[in-house]
Structures are given as structure tokens and as C-alpha cells.
Amino acid sequence: MNILVASFSFPPNQDGVAEAAAAGVLSFLAQGWKVDVATARSSPPRSSLNGKGARVFEFGISGTPYFRDPFRGEVHEYQAFLLKGNWDVIVFHGYSWPLL
């Protein structure tokens, strides 16, 4: 099975969303499934785009779903990434730009 985990936060970030996304990724990998992660760039930058055994794809997107602070940055690149993917399941973590 091919799975995409789309999360605005992922390790090395240390917050609840990052930890929940990482726990899910580890569970999927333990089942022998192929896992990709779409997430924001981290600060400091990740040392590798191999996150716990999954391929990590980073996108520079900021903003909110509100008209006063709309999403900006690599929005079209992220949308194209979603459209070209061949995943059986997409798991969205969060309430922000991954739901674009």
C-alpha cells in the first residue's frame, strides 16, 4: 500500500502534530507499506529528506484560509504534487494548508 501523510509539521519539529504524524508514519512502515510525507520546511533545516524511513517532500507555504492572510508560497507546487501522486490513502494532519 502507498500512503501519503500530509502534515504542516513533522520531525525534527517537536510539537504535537509532528509527533502524531511521525507515530503514524512509523506504524505504516512497520506494516511494510511505502510512505511519503508532504510537510513544511523545518527550522533548522532537515539534515535528510528521509524521515524515519519515509520520503519527505517539503513545501514553503504560509498563510491561513482567511482572506486577510491567504495561503502563499509553493501552493501550486503542492497541489501539482497531490495530483500526480499515486497513493492509495492520504492522511491529513492538521487544519491548515495540507488540506488545500
PDB file of N, CA and C in Angstrom:
ATOM      1  N   MET A   1       0.849  -1.165   0.000  1.00  0.00           N
ATOM      2  CA  MET A   1       0.000   0.000   0.000  1.00  0.00           C
ATOM      3  C   MET A   1       0.900   1.234   0.000  1.00  0.00           C
ATOM      4  N   ASN A   2       0.498   2.247  -0.734  1.00  0.00           N
ATOM      5  CA  ASN A   2       1.204   3.521  -0.796  1.00  0.00           C
ATOM      6  C   ASN A   2       0.402   4.568  -0.034  1.00  0.00           C
ATOM      7  N   ILE A   3       1.059   5.229   0.909  1.00  0.00           N
ATOM      8  CA  ILE A   3       0.379   6.193   1.768  1.00  0.00           C
ATOM      9  C   ILE A   3       1.100   7.522   1.722  1.00  0.00           C
ATOM     10  N   LEU A   4       0.334   8.613   1.664  1.00  0.00           N
ATOM     11  CA  LEU A   4       0.869   9.950   1.825  1.00  0.00           C
ATOM     12  C   LEU A   4       0.370  10.495   3.152  1.00  0.00           C
ATOM     13  N   VAL A   5       1.289  10.996   3.959  1.00  0.00           N
ATOM     14  CA  VAL A   5       0.940  11.718   5.178  1.00  0.00           C
ATOM     15  C   VAL A   5       1.215  13.187   4.891  1.00  0.00           C
ATOM     16  N   ALA A   6       0.175  14.010   4.894  1.00  0.00           N
ATOM     17  CA  ALA A   6       0.299  15.441   4.636  1.00  0.00           C
ATOM     18  C   ALA A   6       0.117  16.172   5.958  1.00  0.00           C
ATOM     19  N   SER A   7       1.178  16.827   6.400  1.00  0.00           N
ATOM     20  CA  SER A   7       1.176  17.456   7.715  1.00  0.00           C
ATOM     21  C   SER A   7       1.967  18.756   7.658  1.00  0.00           C
ATOM     22  N   PHE A   8       1.456  19.814   8.264  1.00  0.00           N
ATOM     23  CA  PHE A   8       2.203  21.071   8.244  1.00  0.00           C
ATOM     24  C   PHE A   8       3.404  21.034   9.174  1.00  0.00           C
ATOM     25  N   SER A   9       3.515  19.968   9.982  1.00  0.00           N
ATOM     26  CA  SER A   9       4.650  19.836  10.897  1.00  0.00           C
ATOM     27  C   SER A   9       5.073  18.378  10.966  1.00  0.00           C
ATOM     28  N   PHE A  10       6.390  18.162  10.971  1.00  0.00           N
ATOM     29  CA  PHE A  10       6.950  16.812  11.016  1.00  0.00           C
ATOM     30  C   PHE A  10       8.348  16.919  11.617  1.00  0.00           C
ATOM     31  N   PRO A  11       8.834  15.886  12.327  1.00  0.00           N
ATOM     32  CA  PRO A  11      10.178  15.973  12.904  1.00  0.00           C
ATOM     33  C   PRO A  11      11.201  16.408  11.874  1.00  0.00           C
ATOM     34  N   PRO A  12      12.152  17.224  12.271  1.00  0.00           N
ATOM     35  CA  PRO A  12      12.632  17.405  13.644  1.00  0.00           C
ATOM     36  C   PRO A  12      11.826  18.382  14.481  1.00  0.00           C
ATOM     37  N   ASN A  13      10.743  18.959  13.951  1.00  0.00           N
ATOM     38  CA  ASN A  13       9.895  19.806  14.796  1.00  0.00           C
ATOM     39  C   ASN A  13       9.412  18.977  15.982  1.00  0.00           C
ATOM     40  N   GLN A  14       9.264  19.624  17.108  1.00  0.00           N
ATOM     41  CA  GLN A  14       8.819  18.936  18.314  1.00  0.00           C
ATOM     42  C   GLN A  14       7.532  19.570  18.815  1.00  0.00           C
ATOM     43  N   ASP A  15       6.439  19.143  18.223  1.00  0.00           N
ATOM     44  CA  ASP A  15       5.118  19.601  18.641  1.00  0.00           C
ATOM     45  C   ASP A  15       4.161  18.433  18.482  1.00  0.00           C
ATOM     46  N   GLY A  16       2.961  18.608  18.955  1.00  0.00           N
ATOM     47  CA  GLY A  16       2.001  17.513  18.939  1.00  0.00           C
ATOM     48  C   GLY A  16       1.675  16.988  17.553  1.00  0.00           C
ATOM     49  N   VAL A  17       1.507  17.878  16.580  1.00  0.00           N
ATOM     50  CA  VAL A  17       1.175  17.457  15.223  1.00  0.00           C
ATOM     51  C   VAL A  17       2.344  16.677  14.623  1.00  0.00           C
ATOM     52  N   ALA A  18       3.569  17.174  14.812  1.00  0.00           N
ATOM     53  CA  ALA A  18       4.755  16.483  14.288  1.00  0.00           C
ATOM     54  C   ALA A  18       4.887  15.094  14.892  1.00  0.00           C
ATOM     55  N   GLU A  19       4.695  14.991  16.191  1.00  0.00           N
ATOM     56  CA  GLU A  19       4.833  13.699  16.861  1.00  0.00           C
ATOM     57  C   GLU A  19       3.733  12.723  16.440  1.00  0.00           C
ATOM     58  N   ALA A  20       2.504  13.215  16.286  1.00  0.00           N
ATOM     59  CA  ALA A  20       1.407  12.347  15.841  1.00  0.00           C
ATOM     60  C   ALA A  20       1.638  11.858  14.421  1.00  0.00           C
ATOM     61  N   ALA A  21       2.088  12.761  13.554  1.00  0.00           N
ATOM     62  CA  ALA A  21       2.366  12.374  12.166  1.00  0.00           C
ATOM     63  C   ALA A  21       3.487  11.336  12.120  1.00  0.00           C
ATOM     64  N   ALA A  22       4.541  11.547  12.904  1.00  0.00           N
ATOM     65  CA  ALA A  22       5.667  10.606  12.928  1.00  0.00           C
ATOM     66  C   ALA A  22       5.243   9.245  13.465  1.00  0.00           C
ATOM     67  N   ALA A  23       4.389   9.224  14.477  1.00  0.00           N
ATOM     68  CA  ALA A  23       3.906   7.950  15.024  1.00  0.00           C
ATOM     69  C   ALA A  23       3.108   7.189  13.963  1.00  0.00           C
ATOM     70  N   GLY A  24       2.281   7.901  13.216  1.00  0.00           N
ATOM     71  CA  GLY A  24       1.527   7.254  12.142  1.00  0.00           C
ATOM     72  C   GLY A  24       2.444   6.703  11.074  1.00  0.00           C
ATOM     73  N   VAL A  25       3.445   7.478  10.687  1.00  0.00           N
ATOM     74  CA  VAL A  25       4.405   7.035   9.670  1.00  0.00           C
ATOM     75  C   VAL A  25       5.102   5.761  10.124  1.00  0.00           C
ATOM     76  N   LEU A  26       5.557   5.729  11.375  1.00  0.00           N
ATOM     77  CA  LEU A  26       6.241   4.536  11.888  1.00  0.00           C
ATOM     78  C   LEU A  26       5.321   3.316  11.893  1.00  0.00           C
ATOM     79  N   SER A  27       4.054   3.528  12.218  1.00  0.00           N
ATOM     80  CA  SER A  27       3.085   2.413  12.200  1.00  0.00           C
ATOM     81  C   SER A  27       2.872   1.887  10.788  1.00  0.00           C
ATOM     82  N   PHE A  28       2.750   2.789   9.830  1.00  0.00           N
ATOM     83  CA  PHE A  28       2.564   2.364   8.450  1.00  0.00           C
ATOM     84  C   PHE A  28       3.795   1.621   7.930  1.00  0.00           C
ATOM     85  N   LEU A  29       4.974   2.153   8.229  1.00  0.00           N
ATOM     86  CA  LEU A  29       6.217   1.499   7.789  1.00  0.00           C
ATOM     87  C   LEU A  29       6.362   0.115   8.409  1.00  0.00           C
ATOM     88  N   ALA A  30       5.934  -0.036   9.657  1.00  0.00           N
ATOM     89  CA  ALA A  30       6.015  -1.333  10.332  1.00  0.00           C
ATOM     90  C   ALA A  30       5.147  -2.385   9.642  1.00  0.00           C
ATOM     91  N   GLN A  31       4.117  -1.927   8.934  1.00  0.00           N
ATOM     92  CA  GLN A  31       3.251  -2.837   8.179  1.00  0.00           C
ATOM     93  C   GLN A  31       3.859  -3.189   6.826  1.00  0.00           C
ATOM     94  N   GLY A  32       4.999  -2.559   6.507  1.00  0.00           N
ATOM     95  CA  GLY A  32       5.646  -2.820   5.225  1.00  0.00           C
ATOM     96  C   GLY A  32       5.133  -1.941   4.100  1.00  0.00           C
ATOM     97  N   TRP A  33       4.401  -0.891   4.445  1.00  0.00           N
ATOM     98  CA  TRP A  33       3.832  -0.015   3.441  1.00  0.00           C
ATOM     99  C   TRP A  33       4.829   1.071   3.048  1.00  0.00           C
ATOM    100  N   LYS A  34       4.698   1.573   1.839  1.00  0.00           N
ATOM    101  CA  LYS A  34       5.527   2.678   1.352  1.00  0.00           C
ATOM    102  C   LYS A  34       4.869   3.981   1.791  1.00  0.00           C
ATOM    103  N   VAL A  35       5.661   4.867   2.396  1.00  0.00           N
ATOM    104  CA  VAL A  35       5.097   6.094   2.955  1.00  0.00           C
ATOM    105  C   VAL A  35       5.866   7.303   2.441  1.00  0.00           C
ATOM    106  N   ASP A  36       5.114   8.305   1.971  1.00  0.00           N
ATOM    107  CA  ASP A  36       5.653   9.614   1.628  1.00  0.00           C
ATOM    108  C   ASP A  36       5.062  10.624   2.604  1.00  0.00           C
ATOM    109  N   VAL A  37       5.817  11.678   2.874  1.00  0.00           N
ATOM    110  CA  VAL A  37       5.361  12.744   3.764  1.00  0.00           C
ATOM    111  C   VAL A  37       5.466  14.070   3.024  1.00  0.00           C
ATOM    112  N   ALA A  38       4.388  14.832   3.010  1.00  0.00           N
ATOM    113  CA  ALA A  38       4.396  16.203   2.489  1.00  0.00           C
ATOM    114  C   ALA A  38       4.285  17.121   3.695  1.00  0.00           C
ATOM    115  N   THR A  39       5.252  18.022   3.838  1.00  0.00           N
ATOM    116  CA  THR A  39       5.284  18.866   5.021  1.00  0.00           C
ATOM    117  C   THR A  39       5.966  20.188   4.716  1.00  0.00           C
ATOM    118  N   ALA A  40       5.958  21.061   5.700  1.00  0.00           N
ATOM    119  CA  ALA A  40       6.635  22.356   5.566  1.00  0.00           C
ATOM    120  C   ALA A  40       8.127  22.191   5.810  1.00  0.00           C
ATOM    121  N   ARG A  41       8.878  23.138   5.341  1.00  0.00           N
ATOM    122  CA  ARG A  41      10.305  23.166   5.649  1.00  0.00           C
ATOM    123  C   ARG A  41      10.466  23.398   7.143  1.00  0.00           C
ATOM    124  N   SER A  42      11.489  22.794   7.718  1.00  0.00           N
ATOM    125  CA  SER A  42      11.702  22.954   9.153  1.00  0.00           C
ATOM    126  C   SER A  42      12.810  23.958   9.419  1.00  0.00           C
ATOM    127  N   SER A  43      12.833  24.455  10.627  1.00  0.00           N
ATOM    128  CA  SER A  43      13.898  25.360  11.054  1.00  0.00           C
ATOM    129  C   SER A  43      14.412  24.856  12.392  1.00  0.00           C
ATOM    130  N   PRO A  44      15.619  24.368  12.451  1.00  0.00           N
ATOM    131  CA  PRO A  44      16.640  24.345  11.410  1.00  0.00           C
ATOM    132  C   PRO A  44      16.261  23.347  10.315  1.00  0.00           C
ATOM    133  N   PRO A  45      16.886  23.487   9.147  1.00  0.00           N
ATOM    134  CA  PRO A  45      16.567  22.584   8.035  1.00  0.00           C
ATOM    135  C   PRO A  45      16.820  21.120   8.380  1.00  0.00           C
ATOM    136  N   ARG A  46      16.032  20.244   7.790  1.00  0.00           N
ATOM    137  CA  ARG A  46      16.237  18.805   7.972  1.00  0.00           C
ATOM    138  C   ARG A  46      17.600  18.420   7.406  1.00  0.00           C
ATOM    139  N   SER A  47      18.233  17.498   8.071  1.00  0.00           N
ATOM    140  CA  SER A  47      19.525  17.010   7.584  1.00  0.00           C
ATOM    141  C   SER A  47      19.336  15.992   6.474  1.00  0.00           C
ATOM    142  N   SER A  48      18.108  15.452   6.354  1.00  0.00           N
ATOM    143  CA  SER A  48      17.822  14.433   5.352  1.00  0.00           C
ATOM    144  C   SER A  48      16.358  14.524   4.957  1.00  0.00           C
ATOM    145  N   LEU A  49      16.065  14.133   3.733  1.00  0.00           N
ATOM    146  CA  LEU A  49      14.667  14.049   3.311  1.00  0.00           C
ATOM    147  C   LEU A  49      14.166  12.619   3.419  1.00  0.00           C
ATOM    148  N   ASN A  50      14.763  11.877   4.321  1.00  0.00           N
ATOM    149  CA  ASN A  50      14.334  10.532   4.661  1.00  0.00           C
ATOM    150  C   ASN A  50      13.864  10.601   6.104  1.00  0.00           C
ATOM    151  N   GLY A  51      12.573  10.728   6.304  1.00  0.00           N
ATOM    152  CA  GLY A  51      12.009  10.900   7.638  1.00  0.00           C
ATOM    153  C   GLY A  51      11.542   9.601   8.235  1.00  0.00           C
ATOM    154  N   LYS A  52      12.391   9.007   9.076  1.00  0.00           N
ATOM    155  CA  LYS A  52      12.050   7.767   9.777  1.00  0.00           C
ATOM    156  C   LYS A  52      11.789   6.611   8.815  1.00  0.00           C
ATOM    157  N   GLY A  53      12.349   6.686   7.614  1.00  0.00           N
ATOM    158  CA  GLY A  53      12.163   5.641   6.619  1.00  0.00           C
ATOM    159  C   GLY A  53      11.209   6.017   5.502  1.00  0.00           C
ATOM    160  N   ALA A  54      10.568   7.150   5.626  1.00  0.00           N
ATOM    161  CA  ALA A  54       9.646   7.638   4.601  1.00  0.00           C
ATOM    162  C   ALA A  54      10.331   8.737   3.800  1.00  0.00           C
ATOM    163  N   ARG A  55       9.916   8.901   2.541  1.00  0.00           N
ATOM    164  CA  ARG A  55      10.425  10.029   1.743  1.00  0.00           C
ATOM    165  C   ARG A  55       9.689  11.291   2.164  1.00  0.00           C
ATOM    166  N   VAL A  56      10.451  12.360   2.383  1.00  0.00           N
ATOM    167  CA  VAL A  56       9.882  13.627   2.824  1.00  0.00           C
ATOM    168  C   VAL A  56       9.958  14.636   1.685  1.00  0.00           C
ATOM    169  N   PHE A  57       8.835  15.292   1.393  1.00  0.00           N
ATOM    170  CA  PHE A  57       8.746  16.337   0.379  1.00  0.00           C
ATOM    171  C   PHE A  57       8.357  17.617   1.105  1.00  0.00           C
ATOM    172  N   GLU A  58       9.184  18.651   0.965  1.00  0.00           N
ATOM    173  CA  GLU A  58       8.958  19.896   1.683  1.00  0.00           C
ATOM    174  C   GLU A  58       8.370  20.970   0.771  1.00  0.00           C
ATOM    175  N   PHE A  59       7.485  21.779   1.357  1.00  0.00           N
ATOM    176  CA  PHE A  59       6.855  22.868   0.625  1.00  0.00           C
ATOM    177  C   PHE A  59       6.898  24.134   1.470  1.00  0.00           C
ATOM    178  N   GLY A  60       7.244  25.236   0.838  1.00  0.00           N
ATOM    179  CA  GLY A  60       7.271  26.530   1.511  1.00  0.00           C
ATOM    180  C   GLY A  60       5.943  27.233   1.354  1.00  0.00           C
ATOM    181  N   ILE A  61       5.033  26.970   2.278  1.00  0.00           N
ATOM    182  CA  ILE A  61       3.694  27.556   2.233  1.00  0.00           C
ATOM    183  C   ILE A  61       3.420  28.220   3.576  1.00  0.00           C
ATOM    184  N   SER A  62       2.872  29.421   3.513  1.00  0.00           N
ATOM    185  CA  SER A  62       2.480  30.122   4.732  1.00  0.00           C
ATOM    186  C   SER A  62       1.105  30.727   4.512  1.00  0.00           C
ATOM    187  N   GLY A  63       0.565  31.322   5.573  1.00  0.00           N
ATOM    188  CA  GLY A  63      -0.746  31.939   5.483  1.00  0.00           C
ATOM    189  C   GLY A  63      -1.814  31.095   6.144  1.00  0.00           C
ATOM    190  N   THR A  64      -3.046  31.538   5.967  1.00  0.00           N
ATOM    191  CA  THR A  64      -4.200  30.884   6.576  1.00  0.00           C
ATOM    192  C   THR A  64      -5.322  30.781   5.542  1.00  0.00           C
ATOM    193  N   PRO A  65      -6.398  30.086   5.876  1.00  0.00           N
ATOM    194  CA  PRO A  65      -7.521  30.024   4.933  1.00  0.00           C
ATOM    195  C   PRO A  65      -8.391  31.284   4.948  1.00  0.00           C
ATOM    196  N   TYR A  66      -7.962  32.308   5.672  1.00  0.00           N
ATOM    197  CA  TYR A  66      -8.747  33.530   5.785  1.00  0.00           C
ATOM    198  C   TYR A  66      -8.293  34.573   4.768  1.00  0.00           C
ATOM    199  N   PHE A  67      -9.211  35.335   4.237  1.00  0.00           N
ATOM    200  CA  PHE A  67      -8.904  36.267   3.148  1.00  0.00           C
ATOM    201  C   PHE A  67      -7.903  37.346   3.542  1.00  0.00           C
ATOM    202  N   ARG A  68      -7.766  37.653   4.805  1.00  0.00           N
ATOM    203  CA  ARG A  68      -6.812  38.682   5.222  1.00  0.00           C
ATOM    204  C   ARG A  68      -5.373  38.175   5.228  1.00  0.00           C
ATOM    205  N   ASP A  69      -5.204  36.870   5.258  1.00  0.00           N
ATOM    206  CA  ASP A  69      -3.862  36.268   5.281  1.00  0.00           C
ATOM    207  C   ASP A  69      -3.895  34.982   4.458  1.00  0.00           C
ATOM    208  N   PRO A  70      -4.117  35.088   3.137  1.00  0.00           N
ATOM    209  CA  PRO A  70      -4.308  33.890   2.311  1.00  0.00           C
ATOM    210  C   PRO A  70      -3.025  33.066   2.181  1.00  0.00           C
ATOM    211  N   PHE A  71      -3.212  31.802   1.822  1.00  0.00           N
ATOM    212  CA  PHE A  71      -2.068  30.934   1.582  1.00  0.00           C
ATOM    213  C   PHE A  71      -1.212  31.521   0.468  1.00  0.00           C
ATOM    214  N   ARG A  72       0.106  31.383   0.623  1.00  0.00           N
ATOM    215  CA  ARG A  72       1.035  31.870  -0.388  1.00  0.00           C
ATOM    216  C   ARG A  72       2.284  31.008  -0.353  1.00  0.00           C
ATOM    217  N   GLY A  73       3.081  31.161  -1.372  1.00  0.00           N
ATOM    218  CA  GLY A  73       4.297  30.357  -1.475  1.00  0.00           C
ATOM    219  C   GLY A  73       4.100  29.262  -2.509  1.00  0.00           C
ATOM    220  N   GLU A  74       4.519  28.067  -2.199  1.00  0.00           N
ATOM    221  CA  GLU A  74       4.509  26.955  -3.146  1.00  0.00           C
ATOM    222  C   GLU A  74       3.172  26.211  -3.178  1.00  0.00           C
ATOM    223  N   VAL A  75       2.097  26.979  -3.209  1.00  0.00           N
ATOM    224  CA  VAL A  75       0.746  26.407  -3.210  1.00  0.00           C
ATOM    225  C   VAL A  75       0.528  25.566  -4.471  1.00  0.00           C
ATOM    226  N   HIS A  76       0.848  26.115  -5.633  1.00  0.00           N
ATOM    227  CA  HIS A  76       0.617  25.395  -6.891  1.00  0.00           C
ATOM    228  C   HIS A  76       1.506  24.158  -6.985  1.00  0.00           C
ATOM    229  N   GLU A  77       2.718  24.237  -6.478  1.00  0.00           N
ATOM    230  CA  GLU A  77       3.614  23.080  -6.483  1.00  0.00           C
ATOM    231  C   GLU A  77       3.052  21.957  -5.617  1.00  0.00           C
ATOM    232  N   TYR A  78       2.506  22.316  -4.457  1.00  0.00           N
ATOM    233  CA  TYR A  78       1.898  21.322  -3.573  1.00  0.00           C
ATOM    234  C   TYR A  78       0.666  20.692  -4.229  1.00  0.00           C
ATOM    235  N   GLN A  79      -0.176  21.512  -4.835  1.00  0.00           N
ATOM    236  CA  GLN A  79      -1.364  20.984  -5.495  1.00  0.00           C
ATOM    237  C   GLN A  79      -0.985  20.053  -6.648  1.00  0.00           C
ATOM    238  N   ALA A  80       0.035  20.415  -7.421  1.00  0.00           N
ATOM    239  CA  ALA A  80       0.503  19.553  -8.512  1.00  0.00           C
ATOM    240  C   ALA A  80       1.061  18.247  -7.963  1.00  0.00           C
ATOM    241  N   PHE A  81       1.769  18.325  -6.850  1.00  0.00           N
ATOM    242  CA  PHE A  81       2.295  17.124  -6.184  1.00  0.00           C
ATOM    243  C   PHE A  81       1.154  16.182  -5.811  1.00  0.00           C
ATOM    244  N   LEU A  82       0.085  16.724  -5.239  1.00  0.00           N
ATOM    245  CA  LEU A  82      -1.063  15.892  -4.869  1.00  0.00           C
ATOM    246  C   LEU A  82      -1.701  15.245  -6.094  1.00  0.00           C
ATOM    247  N   LEU A  83      -1.831  16.010  -7.167  1.00  0.00           N
ATOM    248  CA  LEU A  83      -2.484  15.492  -8.371  1.00  0.00           C
ATOM    249  C   LEU A  83      -1.679  14.404  -9.072  1.00  0.00           C
ATOM    250  N   LYS A  84      -0.357  14.482  -9.022  1.00  0.00           N
ATOM    251  CA  LYS A  84       0.453  13.492  -9.725  1.00  0.00           C
ATOM    252  C   LYS A  84       0.754  12.256  -8.886  1.00  0.00           C
ATOM    253  N   GLY A  85       0.409  12.281  -7.621  1.00  0.00           N
ATOM    254  CA  GLY A  85       0.719  11.163  -6.732  1.00  0.00           C
ATOM    255  C   GLY A  85      -0.091   9.918  -7.035  1.00  0.00           C
ATOM    256  N   ASN A  86       0.453   8.794  -6.629  1.00  0.00           N
ATOM    257  CA  ASN A  86      -0.204   7.506  -6.844  1.00  0.00           C
ATOM    258  C   ASN A  86      -0.354   6.787  -5.500  1.00  0.00           C
ATOM    259  N   TRP A  87      -1.037   7.446  -4.566  1.00  0.00           N
ATOM    260  CA  TRP A  87      -1.205   6.876  -3.242  1.00  0.00           C
ATOM    261  C   TRP A  87      -2.562   6.199  -3.138  1.00  0.00           C
ATOM    262  N   ASP A  88      -2.604   5.172  -2.313  1.00  0.00           N
ATOM    263  CA  ASP A  88      -3.873   4.501  -2.037  1.00  0.00           C
ATOM    264  C   ASP A  88      -4.664   5.253  -0.975  1.00  0.00           C
ATOM    265  N   VAL A  89      -3.924   5.895  -0.067  1.00  0.00           N
ATOM    266  CA  VAL A  89      -4.535   6.607   1.053  1.00  0.00           C
ATOM    267  C   VAL A  89      -3.754   7.896   1.291  1.00  0.00           C
ATOM    268  N   ILE A  90      -4.466   8.976   1.608  1.00  0.00           N
ATOM    269  CA  ILE A  90      -3.829  10.209   2.058  1.00  0.00           C
ATOM    270  C   ILE A  90      -4.354  10.508   3.454  1.00  0.00           C
ATOM    271  N   VAL A  91      -3.429  10.692   4.395  1.00  0.00           N
ATOM    272  CA  VAL A  91      -3.779  11.027   5.774  1.00  0.00           C
ATOM    273  C   VAL A  91      -3.380  12.476   5.992  1.00  0.00           C
ATOM    274  N   PHE A  92      -4.353  13.330   6.317  1.00  0.00           N
ATOM    275  CA  PHE A  92      -4.090  14.734   6.557  1.00  0.00           C
ATOM    276  C   PHE A  92      -3.984  14.981   8.056  1.00  0.00           C
ATOM    277  N   HIS A  93      -2.890  15.620   8.482  1.00  0.00           N
ATOM    278  CA  HIS A  93      -2.712  16.018   9.874  1.00  0.00           C
ATOM    279  C   HIS A  93      -2.785  17.530   9.923  1.00  0.00           C
ATOM    280  N   GLY A  94      -3.696  18.054  10.686  1.00  0.00           N
ATOM    281  CA  GLY A  94      -3.752  19.491  10.860  1.00  0.00           C
ATOM    282  C   GLY A  94      -4.988  20.108  10.237  1.00  0.00           C
ATOM    283  N   TYR A  95      -4.994  21.396  10.283  1.00  0.00           N
ATOM    284  CA  TYR A  95      -6.147  22.187   9.892  1.00  0.00           C
ATOM    285  C   TYR A  95      -5.753  23.304   8.928  1.00  0.00           C
ATOM    286  N   SER A  96      -4.577  23.220   8.371  1.00  0.00           N
ATOM    287  CA  SER A  96      -4.021  24.318   7.605  1.00  0.00           C
ATOM    288  C   SER A  96      -3.832  23.931   6.152  1.00  0.00           C
ATOM    289  N   TRP A  97      -2.738  24.368   5.545  1.00  0.00           N
ATOM    290  CA  TRP A  97      -2.514  24.227   4.106  1.00  0.00           C
ATOM    291  C   TRP A  97      -2.480  22.785   3.590  1.00  0.00           C
ATOM    292  N   PRO A  98      -2.188  21.748   4.368  1.00  0.00           N
ATOM    293  CA  PRO A  98      -2.245  20.412   3.773  1.00  0.00           C
ATOM    294  C   PRO A  98      -3.618  20.072   3.179  1.00  0.00           C
ATOM    295  N   LEU A  99      -4.648  20.743   3.643  1.00  0.00           N
ATOM    296  CA  LEU A  99      -5.997  20.467   3.133  1.00  0.00           C
ATOM    297  C   LEU A  99      -6.326  21.205   1.850  1.00  0.00           C
ATOM    298  N   LEU A 100      -5.353  21.941   1.296  1.00  0.00           N
ATOM    299  CA  LEU A 100      -5.587  22.675   0.051  1.00  0.00           C
ATOM    300  C   LEU A 100      -6.091  21.723  -0.984  1.00  0.00           C
TER     301      LEU A 100
END
